[in-house]
Amino acid sequence: MRLTLSFDEAQGAFTGTVENTTEATICNVRVEVHLSHGTELGPTDGLDLAAGESAATRLPSGGASFERWTAHPESSRCAAG
């Protein structure tokens, strides 16, 4: 997965895209942001991404102030079909 995220001060939110860079579906993809003072934002609602698919992602900061942040995508095993 590739996560591209930035903080949009005007929106007060982290916005970007999460992309499936593999050749198989990735299930229940979600994004979390960790702020420098320990607050965790997210995770976003989970979604399945087909091979090569990308989706917009957005996490409001809730007005929290911070100096630094890190983010990461997560996924879960796909349910047996």
Protein backbone atom coordinates (compact mmCIF):
# COMPACT_ATOMS: atom_id res chain seq x y z
CA MET A 1 0.00 0.00 0.00
CA ARG A 2 1.05 3.56 -0.59
CA LEU A 3 -0.29 6.33 1.65
CA THR A 4 0.03 9.94 0.53
CA LEU A 5 -1.19 12.31 3.22
CA SER A 6 -0.79 15.96 4.19
CA PHE A 7 -2.34 18.30 6.73
CA ASP A 8 -4.73 20.85 5.23
CA GLU A 9 -4.85 23.74 7.70
CA ALA A 10 -7.88 25.33 6.02
CA GLN A 11 -9.89 22.12 6.48
CA GLY A 12 -8.28 21.21 9.80
CA ALA A 13 -7.87 17.70 8.46
CA PHE A 14 -5.37 15.21 7.10
CA THR A 15 -6.25 14.51 3.48
CA GLY A 16 -4.78 12.32 0.78
CA THR A 17 -5.01 8.94 -0.88
CA VAL A 18 -4.32 5.33 -0.05
CA GLU A 19 -3.36 3.14 -2.99
CA ASN A 20 -3.18 -0.62 -3.48
CA THR A 21 0.16 -1.16 -5.24
CA THR A 22 -0.23 -4.94 -5.34
CA GLU A 23 -1.83 -7.30 -7.85
CA ALA A 24 -4.47 -8.56 -5.40
CA THR A 25 -7.34 -7.07 -3.41
CA ILE A 26 -6.41 -5.65 0.00
CA CYS A 27 -9.29 -5.86 2.47
CA ASN A 28 -10.51 -3.52 5.19
CA VAL A 29 -7.96 -0.78 4.44
CA ARG A 30 -7.96 2.02 7.02
CA VAL A 31 -5.71 4.95 7.93
CA GLU A 32 -4.52 6.22 11.32
CA VAL A 33 -2.63 9.41 12.24
CA HIS A 34 -0.60 9.76 15.44
CA LEU A 35 0.03 13.30 16.69
CA SER A 36 3.22 14.30 18.55
CA HIS A 37 1.47 14.69 21.91
CA GLY A 38 0.11 11.13 21.82
CA THR A 39 -3.36 11.61 20.33
CA GLU A 40 -4.39 9.01 17.76
CA LEU A 41 -6.81 9.97 15.00
CA GLY A 42 -8.81 7.26 13.29
CA PRO A 43 -8.84 4.72 12.06
CA THR A 44 -10.94 5.65 9.06
CA ASP A 45 -13.77 3.36 8.01
CA GLY A 46 -12.41 0.22 6.36
CA LEU A 47 -12.73 -0.39 2.65
CA ASP A 48 -11.56 -3.02 0.20
CA LEU A 49 -9.16 -1.86 -2.52
CA ALA A 50 -8.84 -3.89 -5.71
CA ALA A 51 -5.44 -4.30 -7.36
CA GLY A 52 -4.20 -0.88 -8.51
CA GLU A 53 -7.18 0.95 -6.97
CA SER A 54 -6.84 4.09 -4.86
CA ALA A 55 -9.25 5.96 -2.61
CA ALA A 56 -9.40 9.40 -1.03
CA THR A 57 -8.94 9.52 2.72
CA ARG A 58 -9.67 12.25 5.26
CA LEU A 59 -9.19 12.45 9.02
CA PRO A 60 -10.27 15.63 10.85
CA SER A 61 -7.82 16.80 13.51
CA GLY A 62 -10.62 17.76 15.89
CA GLY A 63 -8.87 21.07 16.49
CA ALA A 64 -5.93 19.37 18.20
CA SER A 65 -2.63 21.23 18.06
CA PHE A 66 0.55 19.32 17.29
CA GLU A 67 4.15 19.81 16.17
CA ARG A 68 4.73 16.51 14.36
CA TRP A 69 2.68 13.60 13.14
CA THR A 70 3.04 10.15 11.63
CA ALA A 71 0.52 8.11 9.69
CA HIS A 72 0.12 4.56 8.50
CA PRO A 73 -2.35 2.39 6.61
CA GLU A 74 -3.69 -0.84 8.09
CA SER A 75 -5.51 -3.79 6.56
CA SER A 76 -7.07 -7.07 7.63
CA ARG A 77 -7.15 -10.52 6.13
CA CYS A 78 -9.87 -10.88 3.50
CA ALA A 79 -12.81 -13.06 4.52
CA ALA A 80 -12.85 -16.48 2.90
CA GLY A 81 -15.10 -16.51 -0.16
